[in-house]
Protein backbone atom coordinates (compact mmCIF):
# COMPACT_ATOMS: atom_id res chain seq x y z
CA MET A 1 1.25 18.07 -22.97
CA LEU A 2 3.21 14.91 -23.51
CA ILE A 3 3.48 13.47 -20.00
CA GLY A 4 6.06 10.78 -19.38
CA VAL A 5 5.13 8.18 -16.76
CA ASP A 6 7.23 5.58 -14.95
CA ALA A 7 5.09 2.46 -15.42
CA THR A 8 7.68 0.04 -14.07
CA CYS A 9 5.88 -0.40 -10.73
CA TRP A 10 2.53 -1.35 -12.28
CA ALA A 11 3.35 -5.01 -11.64
CA ASN A 12 3.92 -4.48 -7.92
CA ILE A 13 1.27 -6.40 -5.93
CA ARG A 14 1.45 -4.08 -2.92
CA GLY A 15 0.25 -0.51 -2.41
CA TYR A 16 2.82 1.04 -4.77
CA GLY A 17 1.37 -0.85 -7.71
CA ARG A 18 -2.23 -0.20 -6.68
CA PHE A 19 -1.54 3.55 -6.46
CA ALA A 20 0.15 3.67 -9.87
CA ARG A 21 -2.55 1.65 -11.68
CA GLU A 22 -5.59 3.31 -10.11
CA LEU A 23 -4.13 6.76 -10.67
CA MET A 24 -3.46 6.05 -14.35
CA ARG A 25 -7.02 4.80 -14.85
CA ALA A 26 -8.38 7.99 -13.29
CA MET A 27 -5.94 10.52 -14.81
CA ALA A 28 -6.21 9.61 -18.48
CA PRO A 29 -9.95 10.45 -18.85
CA LEU A 30 -9.46 13.73 -16.95
CA ALA A 31 -6.83 14.92 -19.44
CA PRO A 32 -8.09 13.80 -22.87
CA SER A 33 -6.00 16.39 -24.74
CA ASP A 34 -2.77 15.22 -23.08
CA THR A 35 -0.84 12.10 -24.01
CA PHE A 36 0.70 9.83 -21.37
CA ALA A 37 3.87 8.12 -22.57
CA CYS A 38 4.29 5.20 -20.17
CA PHE A 39 7.71 3.56 -19.92
CA GLY A 40 7.88 -0.01 -18.63
CA ASP A 41 9.02 -3.54 -19.22
CA ARG A 42 6.85 -6.38 -20.49
CA ARG A 43 5.89 -7.50 -16.97
CA SER A 44 4.65 -4.00 -16.16
CA PHE A 45 2.32 -3.88 -19.13
CA GLU A 46 1.03 -7.41 -18.59
CA ALA A 47 -0.11 -6.30 -15.12
CA PHE A 48 -2.11 -3.38 -16.55
CA PRO A 49 -4.02 -4.49 -19.66
CA ASP A 50 -6.39 -1.49 -19.69
CA ALA A 51 -6.61 0.17 -23.11
CA LEU A 52 -6.83 3.95 -22.69
CA PRO A 53 -6.94 6.10 -25.84
CA ASN A 54 -4.40 8.72 -24.75
CA VAL A 55 -1.96 6.29 -23.13
CA GLN A 56 1.07 5.13 -25.11
CA ARG A 57 3.01 2.08 -23.93
CA ILE A 58 6.73 2.26 -24.57
CA GLU A 59 8.26 -1.11 -23.76
CA VAL A 60 11.91 -1.10 -22.70
CA ALA A 61 13.77 -4.42 -22.79
CA LEU A 62 15.38 -4.95 -19.39
CA ASP A 63 17.51 -7.70 -17.91
CA GLU A 64 15.33 -7.83 -14.77
CA SER A 65 11.89 -6.41 -14.03
CA PRO A 66 12.18 -3.34 -11.75
CA THR A 67 9.48 -4.65 -9.42
CA ARG A 68 11.82 -7.54 -8.63
CA ALA A 69 15.15 -5.75 -8.95
CA ALA A 70 14.21 -2.89 -6.62
CA ALA A 71 14.17 -5.29 -3.68
CA ALA A 72 15.16 -4.62 -0.09
CA ALA A 73 18.34 -6.70 -0.38
CA SER A 74 19.52 -5.85 -3.89
CA SER A 75 20.32 -3.00 -6.27
CA ARG A 76 19.24 -2.44 -9.84
CA SER A 77 21.45 -2.90 -12.87
CA PRO A 78 23.08 0.36 -14.02
CA ARG A 79 22.58 -0.87 -17.58
CA ASP A 80 18.81 -1.23 -17.06
CA LEU A 81 18.62 2.21 -15.47
CA LEU A 82 20.47 3.70 -18.43
CA ARG A 83 18.11 1.97 -20.87
CA LEU A 84 15.12 3.59 -19.18
CA THR A 85 16.79 7.01 -19.09
CA ARG A 86 17.67 6.80 -22.78
CA ALA A 87 14.15 5.70 -23.70
CA VAL A 88 12.75 8.81 -22.02
CA ALA A 89 15.35 11.02 -23.70
CA ARG A 90 14.33 9.70 -27.14
CA VAL A 91 10.65 10.49 -26.58
CA ARG A 92 11.34 13.92 -25.02
CA PRO A 93 8.21 14.39 -22.88
CA ASP A 94 7.29 17.85 -21.62
CA VAL A 95 7.15 16.66 -18.01
CA PHE A 96 7.64 13.37 -16.20
CA PHE A 97 5.66 11.65 -13.43
CA SER A 98 7.10 8.93 -11.18
CA PRO A 99 4.33 7.31 -9.10
CA SER A 100 6.85 5.80 -6.68
CA VAL A 101 10.42 6.45 -5.63
CA TYR A 102 10.64 2.65 -5.13
CA THR A 103 11.13 2.10 -8.90
CA TYR A 104 12.58 5.54 -9.66
CA PHE A 105 15.25 5.79 -12.35
CA PRO A 106 17.39 8.83 -13.25
CA LEU A 107 15.78 11.18 -15.76
CA PRO A 108 17.39 13.19 -18.55
CA PRO A 109 18.81 16.50 -17.23
CA ARG A 110 16.45 19.49 -16.93
CA LEU A 111 13.31 17.42 -17.52
CA PRO A 112 10.56 18.80 -15.22
CA ALA A 113 9.48 16.01 -12.90
CA VAL A 114 7.01 15.03 -10.19
CA VAL A 115 8.26 12.23 -7.94
CA THR A 116 6.00 10.40 -5.48
CA ILE A 117 7.34 9.54 -2.05
CA HIS A 118 4.71 7.53 -0.20
CA ASP A 119 6.28 7.71 3.25
CA THR A 120 9.53 8.04 5.20
CA ILE A 121 9.39 4.58 6.80
CA PRO A 122 12.77 3.44 5.33
CA GLU A 123 14.42 6.54 6.76
CA ARG A 124 12.71 6.32 10.15
CA PHE A 125 13.00 2.54 10.58
CA PRO A 126 15.94 1.38 8.44
CA HIS A 127 16.62 -1.65 10.64
CA LEU A 128 13.03 -2.86 10.08
CA THR A 129 12.86 -2.26 6.32
CA LEU A 130 16.35 -2.50 4.79
CA PRO A 131 18.34 -5.53 5.97
CA SER A 132 21.89 -4.37 5.20
CA LEU A 133 24.05 -1.27 5.19
CA ARG A 134 24.49 -1.69 1.44
CA ALA A 135 20.71 -1.65 0.89
CA ARG A 136 20.35 1.45 3.05
CA LEU A 137 23.08 3.28 1.14
CA PHE A 138 21.50 2.46 -2.23
CA TRP A 139 18.07 3.56 -0.99
CA ALA A 140 19.43 6.84 0.36
CA LEU A 141 21.23 7.52 -2.92
CA LYS A 142 18.11 6.80 -4.97
CA VAL A 143 15.97 9.13 -2.84
CA ARG A 144 18.61 11.86 -2.99
CA VAL A 145 18.80 11.70 -6.79
CA ALA A 146 15.00 11.64 -7.08
CA LEU A 147 14.61 14.71 -4.87
CA SER A 148 17.32 16.57 -6.78
CA GLN A 149 15.44 16.00 -10.06
CA ALA A 150 11.91 16.62 -8.75
CA ARG A 151 10.42 20.08 -9.08
CA VAL A 152 7.37 18.82 -7.17
CA VAL A 153 7.14 15.99 -4.63
CA LEU A 154 3.82 14.14 -4.48
CA THR A 155 2.66 12.08 -1.51
CA VAL A 156 -0.48 10.29 -0.38
CA SER A 157 -1.53 12.03 2.86
CA GLU A 158 -1.01 15.16 4.91
CA TYR A 159 0.61 12.90 7.53
CA SER A 160 3.23 11.82 4.99
CA ALA A 161 3.67 15.39 3.75
CA ARG A 162 4.62 16.54 7.26
CA SER A 163 7.00 13.61 7.66
CA ILE A 164 8.69 14.25 4.28
CA ALA A 165 9.23 17.88 5.19
CA ALA A 166 10.70 16.98 8.59
CA VAL A 167 12.69 13.82 7.81
CA LEU A 168 13.85 14.46 4.23
CA ARG A 169 14.00 18.24 4.69
CA VAL A 170 11.87 19.00 1.65
CA ASP A 171 10.46 22.51 1.41
CA PRO A 172 6.70 22.17 2.16
CA GLY A 173 6.08 24.47 -0.81
CA ARG A 174 7.30 21.68 -3.13
CA ILE A 175 4.99 19.02 -1.64
CA ARG A 176 1.54 18.15 -3.02
CA VAL A 177 -0.92 15.55 -1.70
CA ALA A 178 -3.05 13.07 -3.68
CA VAL A 179 -5.10 11.08 -1.18
CA GLU A 180 -5.64 7.43 -2.09
CA ALA A 181 -9.03 5.70 -2.17
CA PRO A 182 -10.47 2.17 -2.11
CA ALA A 183 -10.75 0.32 -5.40
CA VAL A 184 -14.29 -0.12 -6.73
CA ALA A 185 -14.13 -3.85 -5.92
CA TYR A 186 -14.40 -3.11 -2.20
CA ARG A 187 -17.95 -2.75 -0.89
CA PRO A 188 -20.27 -4.43 1.63
CA CYS A 189 -21.32 -8.00 0.90
CA ALA A 190 -24.44 -10.06 1.49
CA PRO A 191 -24.16 -12.63 4.33
CA ALA A 192 -24.45 -15.51 1.86
CA GLU A 193 -21.41 -14.27 -0.07
CA VAL A 194 -19.42 -13.97 3.15
CA SER A 195 -20.41 -17.47 4.25
CA GLU A 196 -19.43 -18.95 0.90
CA ALA A 197 -16.03 -17.24 0.98
CA ALA A 198 -15.43 -18.54 4.50
CA ARG A 199 -16.42 -22.05 3.44
CA ARG A 200 -14.00 -21.98 0.49
CA LEU A 201 -11.23 -20.95 2.85
CA GLY A 202 -12.00 -23.88 5.15
CA LEU A 203 -13.33 -21.87 8.07
CA PRO A 204 -15.92 -23.67 10.22
CA PRO A 205 -19.57 -22.53 10.15
CA ASP A 206 -20.22 -19.50 12.36
CA ALA A 207 -16.50 -18.78 12.65
CA ARG A 208 -15.37 -15.30 13.65
CA TRP A 209 -12.16 -13.89 12.26
CA PHE A 210 -9.81 -10.93 12.14
CA ALA A 211 -8.01 -10.01 8.92
CA TYR A 212 -4.57 -8.62 8.20
CA VAL A 213 -3.71 -7.64 4.61
CA GLY A 214 -0.19 -6.62 3.62
CA GLY A 215 3.42 -7.67 3.78
CA PHE A 216 5.09 -9.63 6.53
CA ASN A 217 7.73 -7.01 7.13
CA PRO A 218 9.07 -6.23 10.62
CA HIS A 219 7.63 -2.71 10.72
CA LYS A 220 4.10 -4.04 10.12
CA ARG A 221 4.17 -5.63 13.61
CA VAL A 222 2.36 -8.80 12.62
CA ASP A 223 4.15 -10.34 15.61
CA LEU A 224 1.92 -8.26 17.91
CA ILE A 225 -1.16 -9.42 16.01
CA LEU A 226 -0.19 -13.08 16.45
CA ARG A 227 0.43 -12.68 20.18
CA ALA A 228 -2.79 -10.76 20.76
CA HIS A 229 -4.71 -13.35 18.76
CA ALA A 230 -3.16 -16.19 20.77
CA SER A 231 -4.17 -14.54 24.05
CA LEU A 232 -7.74 -13.98 22.85
CA SER A 233 -7.93 -17.57 21.64
CA ARG A 234 -7.05 -18.81 25.11
CA ALA A 235 -9.63 -16.49 26.67
CA HIS A 236 -12.35 -17.67 24.27
CA GLY A 237 -11.47 -21.35 24.37
CA ALA A 238 -14.90 -22.65 23.39
CA ASP A 239 -15.22 -20.29 20.43
CA PRO A 240 -11.78 -18.90 19.55
CA PRO A 241 -11.42 -16.33 16.77
CA HIS A 242 -9.57 -17.17 13.58
CA LEU A 243 -6.94 -14.94 11.97
CA LEU A 244 -6.52 -14.45 8.22
CA LEU A 245 -3.08 -13.32 7.06
CA VAL A 246 -3.44 -12.13 3.46
CA GLY A 247 -0.27 -11.51 1.50
CA SER A 248 2.55 -13.34 -0.22
CA ARG A 249 4.96 -15.31 1.95
CA ASP A 250 7.54 -15.77 -0.80
CA ALA A 251 6.96 -13.29 -3.67
CA ASP A 252 7.40 -10.06 -1.72
CA VAL A 253 10.65 -8.26 -2.60
CA PHE A 254 10.64 -6.28 0.64
CA HIS A 255 12.31 -7.29 3.92
CA GLN A 256 10.30 -10.11 5.53
CA GLU A 257 10.27 -12.06 8.80
CA VAL A 258 8.06 -15.02 7.91
CA GLY A 259 10.25 -17.51 9.79
CA ARG A 260 9.95 -15.52 13.02
CA LEU A 261 6.18 -15.29 12.62
CA ASP A 262 5.92 -19.05 12.05
CA ALA A 263 7.84 -19.59 15.28
CA ILE A 264 5.42 -17.36 17.22
CA VAL A 265 2.45 -19.37 15.92
CA ALA A 266 4.18 -22.67 16.75
CA ARG A 267 4.96 -21.57 20.33
CA ALA A 268 1.41 -20.31 20.84
CA GLY A 269 -0.14 -23.50 19.46
CA THR A 270 -2.56 -21.53 17.28
CA GLY A 271 -1.66 -23.14 13.95
CA SER A 272 -5.21 -24.38 13.38
CA LEU A 273 -6.59 -20.85 13.83
CA VAL A 274 -4.03 -18.86 11.81
CA HIS A 275 -4.63 -19.02 8.05
CA TRP A 276 -1.87 -17.95 5.66
CA CYS A 277 -3.99 -17.05 2.65
CA GLY A 278 -1.30 -15.88 0.24
CA PHE A 279 -2.16 -13.26 -2.36
CA VAL A 280 -5.96 -13.03 -2.74
CA PRO A 281 -7.57 -11.20 -5.73
CA ASP A 282 -9.86 -8.29 -4.93
CA ASP A 283 -13.14 -10.03 -5.72
CA GLU A 284 -12.24 -12.95 -3.44
CA LEU A 285 -10.82 -10.74 -0.72
CA ARG A 286 -13.88 -8.48 -0.50
CA PRO A 287 -16.19 -10.97 1.31
CA LEU A 288 -13.39 -12.06 3.64
CA LEU A 289 -12.91 -8.45 4.69
CA ALA A 290 -16.64 -7.78 4.85
CA GLY A 291 -17.11 -10.70 7.25
CA ALA A 292 -14.18 -9.87 9.52
CA VAL A 293 -14.58 -8.66 13.08
CA ALA A 294 -11.98 -6.03 12.20
CA SER A 295 -9.14 -5.27 9.84
CA LEU A 296 -5.79 -5.04 11.66
CA LEU A 297 -2.92 -2.67 10.82
CA PRO A 298 -0.89 -1.93 13.99
CA SER A 299 2.29 -0.90 12.12
CA GLU A 300 5.12 1.23 13.47
CA ALA A 301 3.93 3.74 10.85
CA GLU A 302 1.89 3.95 7.63
CA GLY A 303 2.08 6.64 4.98
CA PHE A 304 -1.54 5.93 4.13
CA GLY A 305 -2.81 2.47 5.14
CA LEU A 306 -4.71 1.46 2.01
CA PRO A 307 -5.59 -2.09 3.22
CA ALA A 308 -7.45 -0.56 6.18
CA VAL A 309 -9.29 1.88 3.92
CA GLU A 310 -10.30 -0.93 1.54
CA ALA A 311 -11.62 -2.96 4.48
CA ALA A 312 -13.50 0.11 5.71
CA ALA A 313 -15.17 0.37 2.29
CA CYS A 314 -16.57 -3.10 3.03
CA ALA A 315 -18.12 -1.68 6.25
CA THR A 316 -15.52 -3.39 8.43
CA PRO A 317 -14.04 -1.47 11.38
CA VAL A 318 -10.30 -1.08 11.67
CA ILE A 319 -7.81 -1.45 14.48
CA ALA A 320 -4.83 0.52 13.29
CA THR A 321 -1.78 2.49 14.25
CA THR A 322 -1.97 6.07 15.46
CA GLU A 323 1.25 6.74 13.49
CA SER A 324 -0.65 7.17 10.24
CA PRO A 325 -3.35 9.31 8.65
CA LEU A 326 -5.96 6.65 9.52
CA PRO A 327 -7.25 8.24 12.78
CA GLU A 328 -8.21 11.26 10.69
CA LEU A 329 -9.22 9.52 7.46
CA LEU A 330 -11.39 6.92 9.24
CA ALA A 331 -12.42 8.97 12.28
CA GLY A 332 -15.19 7.14 14.12
CA GLY A 333 -14.57 4.00 12.08
CA GLY A 334 -12.19 2.10 14.30
CA ILE A 335 -9.93 1.91 17.31
CA PHE A 336 -6.44 3.39 16.99
CA VAL A 337 -3.53 2.15 19.06
CA ALA A 338 -0.01 3.42 19.63
CA PRO A 339 2.76 1.48 17.85
CA GLY A 340 4.10 -1.37 19.95
CA ASP A 341 1.28 -1.23 22.51
CA ALA A 342 0.47 -4.94 22.66
CA SER A 343 -1.99 -4.53 25.52
CA ALA A 344 -4.02 -1.85 23.71
CA LEU A 345 -4.12 -3.99 20.57
CA GLU A 346 -5.41 -7.01 22.47
CA GLN A 347 -8.00 -4.93 24.33
CA ALA A 348 -9.27 -3.42 21.07
CA MET A 349 -9.55 -6.83 19.42
CA GLY A 350 -11.34 -8.21 22.47
CA ALA A 351 -13.75 -5.30 22.60
CA LEU A 352 -14.88 -5.72 18.99
CA LEU A 353 -14.99 -9.49 19.30
CA THR A 354 -17.54 -9.32 22.13
CA ASP A 355 -19.53 -6.16 21.32
CA ARG A 356 -21.47 -6.63 18.10
CA ALA A 357 -23.35 -3.33 18.42
CA ARG A 358 -20.12 -1.33 18.71
CA ARG A 359 -18.59 -3.28 15.86
CA ASP A 360 -21.53 -2.52 13.58
CA ALA A 361 -21.53 1.18 14.51
CA LEU A 362 -17.82 1.51 13.80
CA GLY A 363 -18.23 -0.40 10.54
CA THR A 364 -20.98 1.96 9.38
CA ALA A 365 -18.81 4.99 10.14
CA ALA A 366 -15.79 3.37 8.48
CA HIS A 367 -17.78 2.75 5.31
CA ALA A 368 -18.98 6.36 5.16
CA ARG A 369 -15.46 7.73 5.59
CA ALA A 370 -13.83 5.36 3.10
CA THR A 371 -16.39 5.86 0.35
CA ALA A 372 -15.97 9.63 0.60
CA LEU A 373 -12.46 9.17 -0.82
CA SER A 374 -12.05 9.20 -4.60
CA TRP A 375 -9.38 8.19 -7.10
CA ARG A 376 -10.81 10.89 -9.37
CA GLU A 377 -9.89 13.52 -6.78
CA ALA A 378 -6.45 11.94 -6.36
CA ALA A 379 -5.98 12.09 -10.13
CA ARG A 380 -7.05 15.73 -10.24
CA ALA A 381 -4.52 16.61 -7.54
CA THR A 382 -1.81 14.69 -9.41
CA LEU A 383 -2.55 16.45 -12.69
CA ASP A 384 -2.36 19.80 -10.86
CA ALA A 385 1.05 18.77 -9.50
CA ILE A 386 2.23 17.77 -12.98
CA GLN A 387 1.06 21.10 -14.43
CA ASP A 388 2.81 22.91 -11.58
CA ALA A 389 6.10 21.10 -12.27
CA ALA A 390 5.85 21.79 -16.01
CA SER A 391 5.32 25.51 -15.46
CA ARG A 392 8.13 26.06 -12.94
């Protein structure tokens, strides 16, 4: 088959981009007789330099890169959308795969398609993810068009599949699941590597730290992390824990609340203990995760929770939301708290901070669960979904 692929989200630095890139790396070798015609702009292809023999790159000149244009507070240019649609029409693939509805563009009529919807967080929490009525209307329209064109809907967990069926009213028979996995960069580290990474970051010798990786969006509940951390710091005055916040403060196109988070830190007086690390490459992030007391992800909801799974692959326990697939995916590898339960979050952080034996046991279990996941299996499930759509 000639399989068209939306490559415009390859440049995204969050989970959407990770999913699209890792899946492409794993799918191409599994289907050597198929050709993947990938449509993207220059920025997309610069973010994914891998040369794969059955992958064609079809560059489309656009006024603005989709990973920037598809922001929470803006809408994409109709002219750019039309350019992408026309480029696909000229190539005439047998079937089309969109790895994210985030950068979805309308497809030529009657083209069989698989569209990936990672979660229903924008629909369930619009006030926390989309800052204006205009943004919500454009998002709803994009999702509606995508669902009308998709013969098969792909998602990343059984948790998300149930939510898509209930919230978006998609027939469960149209939904397929491709479970994500940690990138190969994430694995346990030697103590010397952890110590060196901590030193480069400016942490004092023998420091203990928690790590949060992701965006600073309201639904991620980083505010609860900051308050729990401040309370623990007061309780452990002689040896307070540090907190690493990994993610871009200014390059994220999604709805952010960095100013509010800064104010929480200022009121708590924990500025010397809270480290805004910015975007950190995988190889540099690995030892920081491996040395953490725990990885934190207490969101209102997660469709998958890839940062927690990547930390788990480093043998680090997680403290994460129950509104996610993580309690099942990482069973025995962490402590799971209800969204918004500040007291439970603080208690979980305190428990792992003071109980090294429990922390190590949870980390061992987390590592076993995370490393059982495979991008190869995700790719196989995706190819099955593509074949299903093509044959319908």
